[in-house]
Protein backbone atom coordinates (compact mmCIF):
# COMPACT_ATOMS: atom_id res chain seq x y z
CA MET A 1 9.72 -2.08 -18.92
CA SER A 2 10.58 -4.62 -16.23
CA ARG A 3 10.71 -8.32 -16.90
CA GLY A 4 7.70 -8.92 -14.66
CA ILE A 5 5.52 -6.58 -16.68
CA ALA A 6 6.74 -8.12 -19.93
CA ALA A 7 5.94 -11.60 -18.57
CA LEU A 8 2.44 -10.52 -17.59
CA ARG A 9 1.91 -9.05 -21.04
CA LEU A 10 2.89 -12.37 -22.62
CA VAL A 11 0.51 -14.26 -20.32
CA GLY A 12 -2.19 -11.83 -21.39
CA VAL A 13 -1.38 -12.62 -25.01
CA GLY A 14 -2.01 -16.31 -24.33
CA PHE A 15 -5.35 -15.60 -22.71
CA PHE A 16 -6.28 -13.29 -25.60
CA ILE A 17 -5.55 -16.01 -28.16
CA GLY A 18 -7.58 -18.58 -26.28
CA THR A 19 -10.49 -16.22 -25.74
CA ALA A 20 -10.61 -15.05 -29.36
CA VAL A 21 -10.58 -18.58 -30.76
CA LEU A 22 -13.08 -19.84 -28.18
CA LEU A 23 -15.52 -16.97 -28.74
CA GLY A 24 -15.31 -17.36 -32.52
CA THR A 25 -15.99 -21.09 -32.29
CA LEU A 26 -18.82 -20.73 -29.76
CA THR A 27 -20.45 -18.03 -31.87
CA GLY A 28 -20.23 -20.34 -34.87
CA LEU A 29 -21.80 -23.19 -32.89
CA TRP A 30 -24.61 -20.91 -31.76
CA LEU A 31 -25.29 -19.67 -35.30
CA ASP A 32 -25.22 -23.23 -36.65
CA SER A 33 -27.76 -24.35 -34.04
CA LYS A 34 -30.08 -21.45 -34.92
CA LEU A 35 -29.77 -21.76 -38.71
CA ASN A 36 -29.30 -25.55 -39.03
CA THR A 37 -26.11 -25.17 -41.07
CA LYS A 38 -23.91 -27.52 -39.06
CA PRO A 39 -20.24 -27.04 -39.91
CA ILE A 40 -20.29 -23.80 -41.90
CA PHE A 41 -20.39 -21.18 -39.14
CA VAL A 42 -18.21 -23.19 -36.76
CA ILE A 43 -15.45 -23.24 -39.34
CA PHE A 44 -16.01 -19.59 -40.21
CA GLY A 45 -16.04 -18.63 -36.52
CA LEU A 46 -12.85 -20.58 -35.89
CA PHE A 47 -11.03 -18.84 -38.72
CA MET A 48 -12.35 -15.45 -37.66
CA GLY A 49 -11.20 -16.13 -34.10
CA ILE A 50 -7.74 -17.07 -35.37
CA ALA A 51 -7.58 -13.95 -37.53
CA VAL A 52 -8.62 -11.71 -34.64
CA ALA A 53 -6.09 -13.46 -32.39
CA PHE A 54 -3.21 -12.92 -34.84
CA TYR A 55 -4.09 -9.26 -35.31
CA GLY A 56 -4.50 -8.72 -31.59
CA VAL A 57 -1.20 -10.42 -30.79
CA TYR A 58 0.52 -8.27 -33.39
CA ARG A 59 -0.92 -5.13 -31.82
CA MET A 60 -0.07 -6.27 -28.28
CA LEU A 61 3.53 -7.21 -29.03
CA LEU A 62 4.35 -4.28 -31.29
CA PRO A 63 5.35 -1.98 -28.39
CA LEU A 64 7.64 -4.68 -26.98
CA LEU A 65 9.31 -5.20 -30.34
CA ASN A 66 9.75 -1.45 -30.89
CA LYS A 67 11.36 -0.96 -27.47
CA LYS A 68 13.75 -3.84 -28.09
CA LYS A 69 14.69 -2.37 -31.46
CA ASP A 70 15.25 1.06 -29.87
CA ARG A 71 17.61 -0.45 -27.25
CA GLU A 72 19.62 -2.25 -29.95
CA ASP A 73 19.96 0.93 -32.04
CA GLY A 74 21.00 3.16 -29.14
């Protein structure tokens, strides 16, 4: 994998993190406005967004880490 493709993948990781956290928080704000439960769903949405972001980053970077490990072993 070339360095350019790896760099683009890392930029994509940053956008994925931001999008996951933002969508979780906005969903929590929307639910709180509909159910009149001010901070509960915002906090829950934020934590869910962070959890999804961590899992997604792990899945996105796993191929990069495996290829680096393969090069070091061989």
